[in-house]
Amino acid sequence: MISETHHMFMFISCIKKSLARRIKMKWFLLLICMLNSSCTLASLPKAKYTVHATDAETGLPITNALVRTGFEHQYDPWGNRPNIVDRRKEALDENGFVTFSGKTLGNEWGGNVHAEGYYSHGFGMKYKHNVVLNRWEPWNPTFEVKMRPKKNPVPMYHREGHWSAFKVPEYEKLLGYDLEKQDFVSPHGKGSKADLFFEFKRDFKNSQNYDVSCRLTFPNEHDGIQEYYFDETIRSSFKWPYLAPTNSYRPTVEWHSTRSNAGAISNNFKENVNYIFRVRTQVDDEGNITSACYGKISGPFGLGWADWANWVYWFNPVPNERSLEYNGVNLLKK
């Protein structure tokens, strides 16, 4: 009996010790987690940079601007929760400067500059971590932000978003398109004036074997289209020229896409291309342009094997008004 009682006592004692060890281990692991989290936040590399904003044309400092940026802080070392961002918003001083400093994750960040009367402008770069000093370098670089002033923003007919796609109504036939009605002319749509013509061709077997093309032409002799490429060094929200050019328009442009036997797709789509166009062109007896309307197309024309195509355009309907600045008022929605 004594022996059984002794064994029972020993058994219970072992259980208590085991539970105590487990409880201590849990508290120990919790402490480690807290220390790791605190150490992670404390050991984030330091960052510092300066922004200098000037007028892109005059070079004068911009003093009414606000700079938005942020420093990303790790909230959870295992990534189970979203990061915390220390968002900053500071005004420029009388010389157009402002400096930010903080601790942050990652090796690439930046921000945006906003000022009344100017197009917003971004800035940023990649950095390298100096392990010894625990900071991002280059240390305190100056971002020279040259902001483009707003000159003559105007309302336009703007085809965008889910409106940008349309179903091809017929192949191997000239299809007139009304830029104001955003539709083909009768009998394929509700348009009343053919500002330009599409001609689609399609040899389709299946999604692995097809040959499709689209040719864009115009009704008037001096109408046309030309390519335009943005200067990628400019990080302004407005990268177009202020005014549409008066010359160098071509009478036609064609896009095509081909695929055979499930091979690679072959097309003539140009990377980063945009377009500026002129329509409704009228001339006098000597061939001088007396009236014309202008617009722009963002990105390449969307053409694939399906019966759908898409494009994003802005059209200024005011004759001889060459401004390519859009003020956000979409005449299509009025």
C-alpha atoms as a PDB file:
ATOM      1  CA  MET A   1       0.000   0.000   0.000  1.00  0.00           C
ATOM      2  CA  ILE A   2       2.805   2.353   0.867  1.00  0.00           C
ATOM      3  CA  SER A   3       4.541   1.430  -2.335  1.00  0.00           C
ATOM      4  CA  GLU A   4       1.445   2.209  -4.417  1.00  0.00           C
ATOM      5  CA  THR A   5       0.969   5.534  -2.629  1.00  0.00           C
ATOM      6  CA  HIS A   6       4.599   6.407  -3.220  1.00  0.00           C
ATOM      7  CA  HIS A   7       4.329   5.611  -6.898  1.00  0.00           C
ATOM      8  CA  MET A   8       1.170   7.682  -7.173  1.00  0.00           C
ATOM      9  CA  PHE A   9       2.871  10.625  -5.469  1.00  0.00           C
ATOM     10  CA  MET A  10       5.838  10.352  -7.806  1.00  0.00           C
ATOM     11  CA  PHE A  11       3.537  10.214 -10.827  1.00  0.00           C
ATOM     12  CA  ILE A  12       1.640  13.348  -9.768  1.00  0.00           C
ATOM     13  CA  SER A  13       4.896  15.122  -9.001  1.00  0.00           C
ATOM     14  CA  CYS A  14       6.218  14.365 -12.481  1.00  0.00           C
ATOM     15  CA  ILE A  15       3.045  15.720 -14.059  1.00  0.00           C
ATOM     16  CA  LYS A  16       3.329  18.959 -12.055  1.00  0.00           C
ATOM     17  CA  LYS A  17       6.949  19.414 -13.061  1.00  0.00           C
ATOM     18  CA  SER A  18       6.106  18.753 -16.706  1.00  0.00           C
ATOM     19  CA  LEU A  19       3.280  21.286 -16.633  1.00  0.00           C
ATOM     20  CA  ALA A  20       5.509  23.819 -14.929  1.00  0.00           C
ATOM     21  CA  ARG A  21       8.182  23.348 -17.574  1.00  0.00           C
ATOM     22  CA  ARG A  22       5.618  23.776 -20.342  1.00  0.00           C
ATOM     23  CA  ILE A  23       4.225  26.947 -18.785  1.00  0.00           C
ATOM     24  CA  LYS A  24       7.722  28.346 -18.379  1.00  0.00           C
ATOM     25  CA  MET A  25       8.543  27.427 -21.981  1.00  0.00           C
ATOM     26  CA  LYS A  26       5.419  29.206 -23.258  1.00  0.00           C
ATOM     27  CA  TRP A  27       6.302  32.347 -21.332  1.00  0.00           C
ATOM     28  CA  PHE A  28       9.861  32.059 -22.567  1.00  0.00           C
ATOM     29  CA  LEU A  29       8.756  31.738 -26.199  1.00  0.00           C
ATOM     30  CA  LEU A  30       6.363  34.655 -25.757  1.00  0.00           C
ATOM     31  CA  LEU A  31       9.180  36.754 -24.344  1.00  0.00           C
ATOM     32  CA  ILE A  32      11.426  35.784 -27.267  1.00  0.00           C
ATOM     33  CA  CYS A  33       8.684  36.798 -29.712  1.00  0.00           C
ATOM     34  CA  MET A  34       8.261  40.155 -28.016  1.00  0.00           C
ATOM     35  CA  LEU A  35      11.984  40.758 -27.938  1.00  0.00           C
ATOM     36  CA  ASN A  36      12.354  39.749 -31.585  1.00  0.00           C
ATOM     37  CA  SER A  37       9.530  42.071 -32.573  1.00  0.00           C
ATOM     38  CA  SER A  38      10.998  44.961 -30.597  1.00  0.00           C
ATOM     39  CA  CYS A  39      14.492  44.295 -31.893  1.00  0.00           C
ATOM     40  CA  THR A  40      13.204  44.089 -35.456  1.00  0.00           C
ATOM     41  CA  LEU A  41      11.545  47.492 -35.166  1.00  0.00           C
ATOM     42  CA  ALA A  42      14.533  49.001 -33.404  1.00  0.00           C
ATOM     43  CA  SER A  43      16.992  47.657 -35.970  1.00  0.00           C
ATOM     44  CA  LEU A  44      15.233  48.999 -39.060  1.00  0.00           C
ATOM     45  CA  PRO A  45      17.700  50.914 -41.250  1.00  0.00           C
ATOM     46  CA  LYS A  46      17.535  54.705 -41.131  1.00  0.00           C
ATOM     47  CA  ALA A  47      16.623  56.713 -44.218  1.00  0.00           C
ATOM     48  CA  LYS A  48      16.903  60.378 -45.105  1.00  0.00           C
ATOM     49  CA  TYR A  49      16.175  62.281 -48.294  1.00  0.00           C
ATOM     50  CA  THR A  50      15.383  65.773 -49.516  1.00  0.00           C
ATOM     51  CA  VAL A  51      12.884  66.943 -52.135  1.00  0.00           C
ATOM     52  CA  HIS A  52      13.424  70.114 -54.167  1.00  0.00           C
ATOM     53  CA  ALA A  53      10.521  71.203 -56.379  1.00  0.00           C
ATOM     54  CA  THR A  54      10.809  73.773 -59.154  1.00  0.00           C
ATOM     55  CA  ASP A  55       8.749  74.946 -62.109  1.00  0.00           C
ATOM     56  CA  ALA A  56       9.775  72.828 -65.115  1.00  0.00           C
ATOM     57  CA  GLU A  57       9.767  75.874 -67.405  1.00  0.00           C
ATOM     58  CA  THR A  58      10.994  78.786 -65.291  1.00  0.00           C
ATOM     59  CA  GLY A  59      13.185  76.899 -62.829  1.00  0.00           C
ATOM     60  CA  LEU A  60      11.737  78.939 -59.973  1.00  0.00           C
ATOM     61  CA  PRO A  61      11.077  77.170 -56.664  1.00  0.00           C
ATOM     62  CA  ILE A  62       7.539  76.004 -55.931  1.00  0.00           C
ATOM     63  CA  THR A  63       6.527  77.029 -52.442  1.00  0.00           C
ATOM     64  CA  ASN A  64       2.860  76.017 -52.332  1.00  0.00           C
ATOM     65  CA  ALA A  65       3.483  72.277 -52.741  1.00  0.00           C
ATOM     66  CA  LEU A  66       2.825  69.380 -50.392  1.00  0.00           C
ATOM     67  CA  VAL A  67       4.996  66.268 -50.459  1.00  0.00           C
ATOM     68  CA  ARG A  68       3.479  62.913 -49.545  1.00  0.00           C
ATOM     69  CA  THR A  69       5.749  60.019 -48.634  1.00  0.00           C
ATOM     70  CA  GLY A  70       5.991  57.274 -46.025  1.00  0.00           C
ATOM     71  CA  PHE A  71       8.239  54.958 -44.039  1.00  0.00           C
ATOM     72  CA  GLU A  72       7.191  51.326 -43.870  1.00  0.00           C
ATOM     73  CA  HIS A  73       7.531  49.636 -40.472  1.00  0.00           C
ATOM     74  CA  GLN A  74       7.356  45.896 -39.933  1.00  0.00           C
ATOM     75  CA  TYR A  75       4.458  45.087 -37.640  1.00  0.00           C
ATOM     76  CA  ASP A  76       4.871  41.326 -37.395  1.00  0.00           C
ATOM     77  CA  PRO A  77       8.208  39.560 -37.987  1.00  0.00           C
ATOM     78  CA  TRP A  78       6.469  36.524 -39.496  1.00  0.00           C
ATOM     79  CA  GLY A  79       4.354  38.533 -41.911  1.00  0.00           C
ATOM     80  CA  ASN A  80       1.069  37.332 -40.456  1.00  0.00           C
ATOM     81  CA  ARG A  81      -0.213  40.886 -40.167  1.00  0.00           C
ATOM     82  CA  PRO A  82      -0.008  43.869 -42.507  1.00  0.00           C
ATOM     83  CA  ASN A  83       2.865  46.279 -42.227  1.00  0.00           C
ATOM     84  CA  ILE A  84       2.436  49.669 -40.623  1.00  0.00           C
ATOM     85  CA  VAL A  85       3.283  52.710 -42.741  1.00  0.00           C
ATOM     86  CA  ASP A  86       4.333  55.966 -41.135  1.00  0.00           C
ATOM     87  CA  ARG A  87       2.715  58.316 -43.642  1.00  0.00           C
ATOM     88  CA  ARG A  88       4.104  61.840 -43.896  1.00  0.00           C
ATOM     89  CA  LYS A  89       2.814  65.029 -45.509  1.00  0.00           C
ATOM     90  CA  GLU A  90       5.009  68.121 -45.399  1.00  0.00           C
ATOM     91  CA  ALA A  91       4.997  71.528 -47.088  1.00  0.00           C
ATOM     92  CA  LEU A  92       7.983  72.900 -48.969  1.00  0.00           C
ATOM     93  CA  ASP A  93       9.865  75.863 -47.542  1.00  0.00           C
ATOM     94  CA  GLU A  94      10.339  79.231 -49.254  1.00  0.00           C
ATOM     95  CA  ASN A  95      13.126  77.771 -51.395  1.00  0.00           C
ATOM     96  CA  GLY A  96      11.149  74.724 -52.472  1.00  0.00           C
ATOM     97  CA  PHE A  97      12.906  72.227 -50.163  1.00  0.00           C
ATOM     98  CA  VAL A  98      11.753  69.698 -47.578  1.00  0.00           C
ATOM     99  CA  THR A  99      13.683  66.883 -45.847  1.00  0.00           C
ATOM    100  CA  PHE A 100      12.330  63.602 -44.479  1.00  0.00           C
ATOM    101  CA  SER A 101      13.970  61.077 -42.157  1.00  0.00           C
ATOM    102  CA  GLY A 102      12.837  57.877 -40.495  1.00  0.00           C
ATOM    103  CA  LYS A 103      13.277  54.116 -40.397  1.00  0.00           C
ATOM    104  CA  THR A 104      11.916  51.907 -43.122  1.00  0.00           C
ATOM    105  CA  LEU A 105      11.861  48.449 -44.693  1.00  0.00           C
ATOM    106  CA  GLY A 106      12.766  47.608 -48.260  1.00  0.00           C
ATOM    107  CA  ASN A 107      15.246  49.200 -50.595  1.00  0.00           C
ATOM    108  CA  GLU A 108      12.942  51.213 -52.846  1.00  0.00           C
ATOM    109  CA  TRP A 109      10.576  54.029 -51.940  1.00  0.00           C
ATOM    110  CA  GLY A 110       9.607  57.577 -52.836  1.00  0.00           C
ATOM    111  CA  GLY A 111       6.520  59.767 -52.926  1.00  0.00           C
ATOM    112  CA  ASN A 112       4.548  62.414 -54.794  1.00  0.00           C
ATOM    113  CA  VAL A 113       4.514  66.204 -54.944  1.00  0.00           C
ATOM    114  CA  HIS A 114       1.233  68.095 -55.333  1.00  0.00           C
ATOM    115  CA  ALA A 115       0.782  71.821 -55.940  1.00  0.00           C
ATOM    116  CA  GLU A 116      -2.136  73.921 -57.102  1.00  0.00           C
ATOM    117  CA  GLY A 117      -1.705  74.878 -60.741  1.00  0.00           C
ATOM    118  CA  TYR A 118       0.703  72.008 -61.461  1.00  0.00           C
ATOM    119  CA  TYR A 119       0.503  68.369 -62.449  1.00  0.00           C
ATOM    120  CA  SER A 120       1.488  66.010 -59.649  1.00  0.00           C
ATOM    121  CA  HIS A 121       4.967  64.561 -59.887  1.00  0.00           C
ATOM    122  CA  GLY A 122       6.481  61.396 -58.451  1.00  0.00           C
ATOM    123  CA  PHE A 123       9.973  60.681 -57.168  1.00  0.00           C
ATOM    124  CA  GLY A 124      11.871  57.685 -55.846  1.00  0.00           C
ATOM    125  CA  MET A 125      14.846  55.384 -56.282  1.00  0.00           C
ATOM    126  CA  LYS A 126      16.470  52.165 -55.087  1.00  0.00           C
ATOM    127  CA  TYR A 127      18.860  52.202 -52.158  1.00  0.00           C
ATOM    128  CA  LYS A 128      21.589  49.983 -50.744  1.00  0.00           C
ATOM    129  CA  HIS A 129      21.800  48.947 -47.116  1.00  0.00           C
ATOM    130  CA  ASN A 130      24.960  50.031 -45.290  1.00  0.00           C
ATOM    131  CA  VAL A 131      25.109  47.245 -42.702  1.00  0.00           C
ATOM    132  CA  VAL A 132      27.814  48.905 -40.609  1.00  0.00           C
ATOM    133  CA  LEU A 133      25.919  52.187 -40.207  1.00  0.00           C
ATOM    134  CA  ASN A 134      22.520  50.480 -40.519  1.00  0.00           C
ATOM    135  CA  ARG A 135      21.156  53.022 -42.954  1.00  0.00           C
ATOM    136  CA  TRP A 136      20.022  53.270 -46.552  1.00  0.00           C
ATOM    137  CA  GLU A 137      22.415  54.876 -49.015  1.00  0.00           C
ATOM    138  CA  PRO A 138      22.908  57.149 -50.771  1.00  0.00           C
ATOM    139  CA  TRP A 139      22.293  59.096 -47.582  1.00  0.00           C
ATOM    140  CA  ASN A 140      20.095  62.158 -47.914  1.00  0.00           C
ATOM    141  CA  PRO A 141      19.936  62.382 -51.719  1.00  0.00           C
ATOM    142  CA  THR A 142      18.106  65.372 -53.196  1.00  0.00           C
ATOM    143  CA  PHE A 143      15.274  64.595 -55.595  1.00  0.00           C
ATOM    144  CA  GLU A 144      15.014  67.385 -58.154  1.00  0.00           C
ATOM    145  CA  VAL A 145      11.312  67.501 -59.020  1.00  0.00           C
ATOM    146  CA  LYS A 146      10.537  69.655 -62.046  1.00  0.00           C
ATOM    147  CA  MET A 147       6.782  70.169 -62.017  1.00  0.00           C
ATOM    148  CA  ARG A 148       4.863  70.855 -65.220  1.00  0.00           C
ATOM    149  CA  PRO A 149       2.417  73.765 -64.937  1.00  0.00           C
ATOM    150  CA  LYS A 150      -1.182  73.392 -66.038  1.00  0.00           C
ATOM    151  CA  LYS A 151      -1.819  75.678 -69.008  1.00  0.00           C
ATOM    152  CA  ASN A 152      -5.097  74.993 -70.757  1.00  0.00           C
ATOM    153  CA  PRO A 153      -6.909  71.881 -69.493  1.00  0.00           C
ATOM    154  CA  VAL A 154     -10.129  71.324 -71.435  1.00  0.00           C
ATOM    155  CA  PRO A 155     -13.072  68.902 -71.355  1.00  0.00           C
ATOM    156  CA  MET A 156     -12.865  66.036 -73.830  1.00  0.00           C
ATOM    157  CA  TYR A 157     -14.675  62.954 -75.012  1.00  0.00           C
ATOM    158  CA  HIS A 158     -12.819  60.258 -73.117  1.00  0.00           C
ATOM    159  CA  ARG A 159     -13.268  56.541 -73.711  1.00  0.00           C
ATOM    160  CA  GLU A 160     -11.860  54.602 -70.775  1.00  0.00           C
ATOM    161  CA  GLY A 161     -12.281  51.659 -68.404  1.00  0.00           C
ATOM    162  CA  HIS A 162     -15.034  49.202 -69.302  1.00  0.00           C
ATOM    163  CA  TRP A 163     -16.082  51.599 -72.062  1.00  0.00           C
ATOM    164  CA  SER A 164     -12.809  51.062 -73.886  1.00  0.00           C
ATOM    165  CA  ALA A 165     -13.731  47.638 -75.311  1.00  0.00           C
ATOM    166  CA  PHE A 166     -16.087  47.130 -78.237  1.00  0.00           C
ATOM    167  CA  LYS A 167     -17.311  44.191 -80.273  1.00  0.00           C
ATOM    168  CA  VAL A 168     -16.250  44.104 -83.918  1.00  0.00           C
ATOM    169  CA  PRO A 169     -19.549  44.303 -85.837  1.00  0.00           C
ATOM    170  CA  GLU A 170     -18.288  43.153 -89.233  1.00  0.00           C
ATOM    171  CA  TYR A 171     -15.094  42.082 -90.973  1.00  0.00           C
ATOM    172  CA  GLU A 172     -13.493  43.152 -94.274  1.00  0.00           C
ATOM    173  CA  LYS A 173     -15.565  46.307 -94.505  1.00  0.00           C
ATOM    174  CA  LEU A 174     -14.901  49.975 -93.746  1.00  0.00           C
ATOM    175  CA  LEU A 175     -16.625  50.803 -90.467  1.00  0.00           C
ATOM    176  CA  GLY A 176     -17.163  54.478 -89.707  1.00  0.00           C
ATOM    177  CA  TYR A 177     -16.670  55.504 -86.066  1.00  0.00           C
ATOM    178  CA  ASP A 178     -18.088  58.570 -84.313  1.00  0.00           C
ATOM    179  CA  LEU A 179     -15.698  59.822 -81.609  1.00  0.00           C
ATOM    180  CA  GLU A 180     -18.380  61.876 -79.871  1.00  0.00           C
ATOM    181  CA  LYS A 181     -20.999  59.120 -79.783  1.00  0.00           C
ATOM    182  CA  GLN A 182     -18.351  56.500 -78.985  1.00  0.00           C
ATOM    183  CA  ASP A 183     -19.963  54.186 -81.478  1.00  0.00           C
ATOM    184  CA  PHE A 184     -19.958  53.013 -85.065  1.00  0.00           C
ATOM    185  CA  VAL A 185     -22.160  54.832 -87.544  1.00  0.00           C
ATOM    186  CA  SER A 186     -25.309  53.267 -88.952  1.00  0.00           C
ATOM    187  CA  PRO A 187     -26.083  50.442 -89.573  1.00  0.00           C
ATOM    188  CA  HIS A 188     -23.659  49.127 -86.934  1.00  0.00           C
ATOM    189  CA  GLY A 189     -24.220  51.707 -84.201  1.00  0.00           C
ATOM    190  CA  LYS A 190     -25.696  55.015 -83.105  1.00  0.00           C
ATOM    191  CA  GLY A 191     -22.943  57.237 -84.483  1.00  0.00           C
ATOM    192  CA  SER A 192     -23.886  59.974 -86.952  1.00  0.00           C
ATOM    193  CA  LYS A 193     -20.509  61.235 -88.184  1.00  0.00           C
ATOM    194  CA  ALA A 194     -17.597  59.063 -89.353  1.00  0.00           C
ATOM    195  CA  ASP A 195     -14.506  60.685 -87.837  1.00  0.00           C
ATOM    196  CA  LEU A 196     -12.371  57.702 -88.824  1.00  0.00           C
ATOM    197  CA  PHE A 197     -12.661  54.224 -90.313  1.00  0.00           C
ATOM    198  CA  PHE A 198     -11.776  50.796 -88.959  1.00  0.00           C
ATOM    199  CA  GLU A 199     -11.286  47.804 -91.216  1.00  0.00           C
ATOM    200  CA  PHE A 200     -10.942  44.472 -89.417  1.00  0.00           C
ATOM    201  CA  LYS A 201      -9.801  41.221 -90.991  1.00  0.00           C
ATOM    202  CA  ARG A 202      -9.855  37.834 -89.298  1.00  0.00           C
ATOM    203  CA  ASP A 203      -8.823  34.318 -90.296  1.00  0.00           C
ATOM    204  CA  PHE A 204      -9.732  32.321 -87.213  1.00  0.00           C
ATOM    205  CA  LYS A 205      -9.552  28.566 -86.646  1.00  0.00           C
ATOM    206  CA  ASN A 206      -9.134  28.522 -82.883  1.00  0.00           C
ATOM    207  CA  SER A 207      -7.272  30.412 -80.159  1.00  0.00           C
ATOM    208  CA  GLN A 208      -4.049  28.651 -81.189  1.00  0.00           C
ATOM    209  CA  ASN A 209      -4.364  29.375 -84.906  1.00  0.00           C
ATOM    210  CA  TYR A 210      -5.465  32.771 -86.159  1.00  0.00           C
ATOM    211  CA  ASP A 211      -4.516  35.857 -88.147  1.00  0.00           C
ATOM    212  CA  VAL A 212      -6.224  39.147 -87.266  1.00  0.00           C
ATOM    213  CA  SER A 213      -5.610  42.743 -88.287  1.00  0.00           C
ATOM    214  CA  CYS A 214      -7.072  46.225 -87.962  1.00  0.00           C
ATOM    215  CA  ARG A 215      -6.445  49.099 -90.337  1.00  0.00           C
ATOM    216  CA  LEU A 216      -7.273  52.661 -89.279  1.00  0.00           C
ATOM    217  CA  THR A 217      -7.905  55.293 -91.971  1.00  0.00           C
ATOM    218  CA  PHE A 218      -9.567  58.703 -92.202  1.00  0.00           C
ATOM    219  CA  PRO A 219     -12.191  60.365 -94.414  1.00  0.00           C
ATOM    220  CA  ASN A 220     -10.291  63.596 -95.123  1.00  0.00           C
ATOM    221  CA  GLU A 221      -7.031  64.060 -96.992  1.00  0.00           C
ATOM    222  CA  HIS A 222      -5.238  65.935 -94.208  1.00  0.00           C
ATOM    223  CA  ASP A 223      -6.560  63.836 -91.348  1.00  0.00           C
ATOM    224  CA  GLY A 224      -4.063  61.442 -89.832  1.00  0.00           C
ATOM    225  CA  ILE A 225      -2.261  59.879 -86.922  1.00  0.00           C
ATOM    226  CA  GLN A 226       1.272  59.818 -85.522  1.00  0.00           C
ATOM    227  CA  GLU A 227       3.131  57.908 -82.838  1.00  0.00           C
ATOM    228  CA  TYR A 228       4.176  59.524 -79.582  1.00  0.00           C
ATOM    229  CA  TYR A 229       6.473  58.120 -76.892  1.00  0.00           C
ATOM    230  CA  PHE A 230       6.643  59.481 -73.374  1.00  0.00           C
ATOM    231  CA  ASP A 231       9.945  60.616 -71.931  1.00  0.00           C
ATOM    232  CA  GLU A 232      10.330  57.933 -69.253  1.00  0.00           C
ATOM    233  CA  THR A 233      12.616  60.175 -67.205  1.00  0.00           C
ATOM    234  CA  ILE A 234       9.652  62.485 -66.580  1.00  0.00           C
ATOM    235  CA  ARG A 235       7.555  61.279 -63.660  1.00  0.00           C
ATOM    236  CA  SER A 236       4.840  63.856 -64.090  1.00  0.00           C
ATOM    237  CA  SER A 237       1.207  62.756 -64.186  1.00  0.00           C
ATOM    238  CA  PHE A 238       1.005  64.640 -67.506  1.00  0.00           C
ATOM    239  CA  LYS A 239       3.547  63.386 -70.042  1.00  0.00           C
ATOM    240  CA  TRP A 240       1.928  64.506 -73.268  1.00  0.00           C
ATOM    241  CA  PRO A 241       2.899  67.630 -75.226  1.00  0.00           C
ATOM    242  CA  TYR A 242       0.723  70.590 -74.314  1.00  0.00           C
ATOM    243  CA  LEU A 243      -0.388  71.029 -77.924  1.00  0.00           C
ATOM    244  CA  ALA A 244      -1.007  68.540 -80.702  1.00  0.00           C
ATOM    245  CA  PRO A 245       1.525  68.889 -83.550  1.00  0.00           C
ATOM    246  CA  THR A 246       0.453  70.617 -86.757  1.00  0.00           C
ATOM    247  CA  ASN A 247       2.298  68.263 -89.105  1.00  0.00           C
ATOM    248  CA  SER A 248       3.775  64.755 -89.564  1.00  0.00           C
ATOM    249  CA  TYR A 249       0.429  62.954 -89.562  1.00  0.00           C
ATOM    250  CA  ARG A 250       0.169  59.695 -91.491  1.00  0.00           C
ATOM    251  CA  PRO A 251      -3.020  58.743 -93.363  1.00  0.00           C
ATOM    252  CA  THR A 252      -3.181  55.214 -91.943  1.00  0.00           C
ATOM    253  CA  VAL A 253      -1.891  52.810 -89.313  1.00  0.00           C
ATOM    254  CA  GLU A 254      -2.323  49.042 -89.131  1.00  0.00           C
ATOM    255  CA  TRP A 255      -2.043  46.528 -86.306  1.00  0.00           C
ATOM    256  CA  HIS A 256      -1.899  42.762 -86.768  1.00  0.00           C
ATOM    257  CA  SER A 257      -1.485  39.655 -84.640  1.00  0.00           C
ATOM    258  CA  THR A 258      -0.804  36.096 -85.802  1.00  0.00           C
ATOM    259  CA  ARG A 259      -0.426  32.704 -84.191  1.00  0.00           C
ATOM    260  CA  SER A 260      -0.111  29.293 -85.840  1.00  0.00           C
ATOM    261  CA  ASN A 261       0.043  25.749 -84.484  1.00  0.00           C
ATOM    262  CA  ALA A 262       0.003  26.969 -80.882  1.00  0.00           C
ATOM    263  CA  GLY A 263       3.337  28.684 -81.427  1.00  0.00           C
ATOM    264  CA  ALA A 264       4.481  32.099 -80.294  1.00  0.00           C
ATOM    265  CA  ILE A 265       2.271  35.099 -81.022  1.00  0.00           C
ATOM    266  CA  SER A 266       3.662  37.402 -83.703  1.00  0.00           C
ATOM    267  CA  ASN A 267       2.448  40.997 -83.871  1.00  0.00           C
ATOM    268  CA  ASN A 268       3.579  44.507 -84.702  1.00  0.00           C
ATOM    269  CA  PHE A 269       2.472  46.062 -81.409  1.00  0.00           C
ATOM    270  CA  LYS A 270       5.065  48.597 -80.307  1.00  0.00           C
ATOM    271  CA  GLU A 271       5.977  48.788 -76.655  1.00  0.00           C
ATOM    272  CA  ASN A 272       5.124  52.056 -74.880  1.00  0.00           C
ATOM    273  CA  VAL A 273       3.598  53.599 -77.997  1.00  0.00           C
ATOM    274  CA  ASN A 274       0.894  56.272 -77.835  1.00  0.00           C
ATOM    275  CA  TYR A 275      -0.803  58.201 -80.626  1.00  0.00           C
ATOM    276  CA  ILE A 276      -1.963  61.720 -81.491  1.00  0.00           C
ATOM    277  CA  PHE A 277      -4.561  62.118 -84.237  1.00  0.00           C
ATOM    278  CA  ARG A 278      -6.229  64.834 -86.308  1.00  0.00           C
ATOM    279  CA  VAL A 279      -9.743  64.581 -87.776  1.00  0.00           C
ATOM    280  CA  ARG A 280     -12.461  66.749 -89.375  1.00  0.00           C
ATOM    281  CA  THR A 281      -9.748  68.598 -91.279  1.00  0.00           C
ATOM    282  CA  GLN A 282     -10.830  71.313 -93.698  1.00  0.00           C
ATOM    283  CA  VAL A 283      -8.596  73.238 -96.119  1.00  0.00           C
ATOM    284  CA  ASP A 284      -8.902  76.327 -98.302  1.00  0.00           C
ATOM    285  CA  ASP A 285      -8.415  76.470-102.064  1.00  0.00           C
ATOM    286  CA  GLU A 286      -4.649  76.587-101.594  1.00  0.00           C
ATOM    287  CA  GLY A 287      -4.543  73.524 -99.361  1.00  0.00           C
ATOM    288  CA  ASN A 288      -4.005  75.372 -96.096  1.00  0.00           C
ATOM    289  CA  ILE A 289      -5.741  73.895 -93.065  1.00  0.00           C
ATOM    290  CA  THR A 290      -8.549  76.148 -91.879  1.00  0.00           C
ATOM    291  CA  SER A 291     -10.157  73.859 -89.321  1.00  0.00           C
ATOM    292  CA  ALA A 292      -9.290  70.579 -87.573  1.00  0.00           C
ATOM    293  CA  CYS A 293      -9.924  68.675 -84.338  1.00  0.00           C
ATOM    294  CA  TYR A 294      -7.334  66.757 -82.342  1.00  0.00           C
ATOM    295  CA  GLY A 295      -7.098  63.919 -79.868  1.00  0.00           C
ATOM    296  CA  LYS A 296      -4.844  61.288 -78.361  1.00  0.00           C
ATOM    297  CA  ILE A 297      -4.756  57.519 -77.795  1.00  0.00           C
ATOM    298  CA  SER A 298      -3.094  56.016 -74.743  1.00  0.00           C
ATOM    299  CA  GLY A 299      -1.099  52.862 -75.331  1.00  0.00           C
ATOM    300  CA  PRO A 300      -1.324  50.403 -78.228  1.00  0.00           C
ATOM    301  CA  PHE A 301      -4.604  49.417 -79.828  1.00  0.00           C
ATOM    302  CA  GLY A 302      -5.935  46.243 -78.194  1.00  0.00           C
ATOM    303  CA  LEU A 303      -6.352  43.500 -80.782  1.00  0.00           C
ATOM    304  CA  GLY A 304      -6.584  39.733 -80.237  1.00  0.00           C
ATOM    305  CA  TRP A 305      -8.176  36.597 -81.654  1.00  0.00           C
ATOM    306  CA  ALA A 306     -11.601  37.257 -80.113  1.00  0.00           C
ATOM    307  CA  ASP A 307     -14.307  39.423 -81.665  1.00  0.00           C
ATOM    308  CA  TRP A 308     -13.372  42.303 -79.370  1.00  0.00           C
ATOM    309  CA  ALA A 309     -10.979  45.235 -79.597  1.00  0.00           C
ATOM    310  CA  ASN A 310     -10.261  48.083 -77.225  1.00  0.00           C
ATOM    311  CA  TRP A 311      -8.653  51.494 -77.115  1.00  0.00           C
ATOM    312  CA  VAL A 312      -8.435  54.434 -74.718  1.00  0.00           C
ATOM    313  CA  TYR A 313      -8.819  57.839 -76.338  1.00  0.00           C
ATOM    314  CA  TRP A 314      -9.405  61.517 -75.593  1.00  0.00           C
ATOM    315  CA  PHE A 315     -11.007  63.718 -78.245  1.00  0.00           C
ATOM    316  CA  ASN A 316     -11.139  67.515 -78.162  1.00  0.00           C
ATOM    317  CA  PRO A 317     -14.176  68.523 -80.268  1.00  0.00           C
ATOM    318  CA  VAL A 318     -13.381  72.242 -80.459  1.00  0.00           C
ATOM    319  CA  PRO A 319     -12.057  73.123 -83.948  1.00  0.00           C
ATOM    320  CA  ASN A 320      -8.451  74.352 -83.991  1.00  0.00           C
ATOM    321  CA  GLU A 321      -8.132  73.801 -80.234  1.00  0.00           C
ATOM    322  CA  ARG A 322      -4.951  71.726 -80.055  1.00  0.00           C
ATOM    323  CA  SER A 323      -4.726  71.378 -76.281  1.00  0.00           C
ATOM    324  CA  LEU A 324      -4.028  67.816 -75.120  1.00  0.00           C
ATOM    325  CA  GLU A 325      -4.576  68.694 -71.456  1.00  0.00           C
ATOM    326  CA  TYR A 326      -7.646  66.959 -70.064  1.00  0.00           C
ATOM    327  CA  ASN A 327      -9.417  68.674 -67.172  1.00  0.00           C
ATOM    328  CA  GLY A 328     -11.290  65.573 -66.030  1.00  0.00           C
ATOM    329  CA  VAL A 329     -14.670  66.568 -67.468  1.00  0.00           C
ATOM    330  CA  ASN A 330     -15.747  63.690 -69.709  1.00  0.00           C
ATOM    331  CA  LEU A 331     -18.159  64.941 -72.369  1.00  0.00           C
ATOM    332  CA  LEU A 332     -19.234  61.354 -73.045  1.00  0.00           C
ATOM    333  CA  LYS A 333     -20.978  61.272 -69.678  1.00  0.00           C
ATOM    334  CA  LYS A 334     -22.860  64.550 -70.042  1.00  0.00           C
END
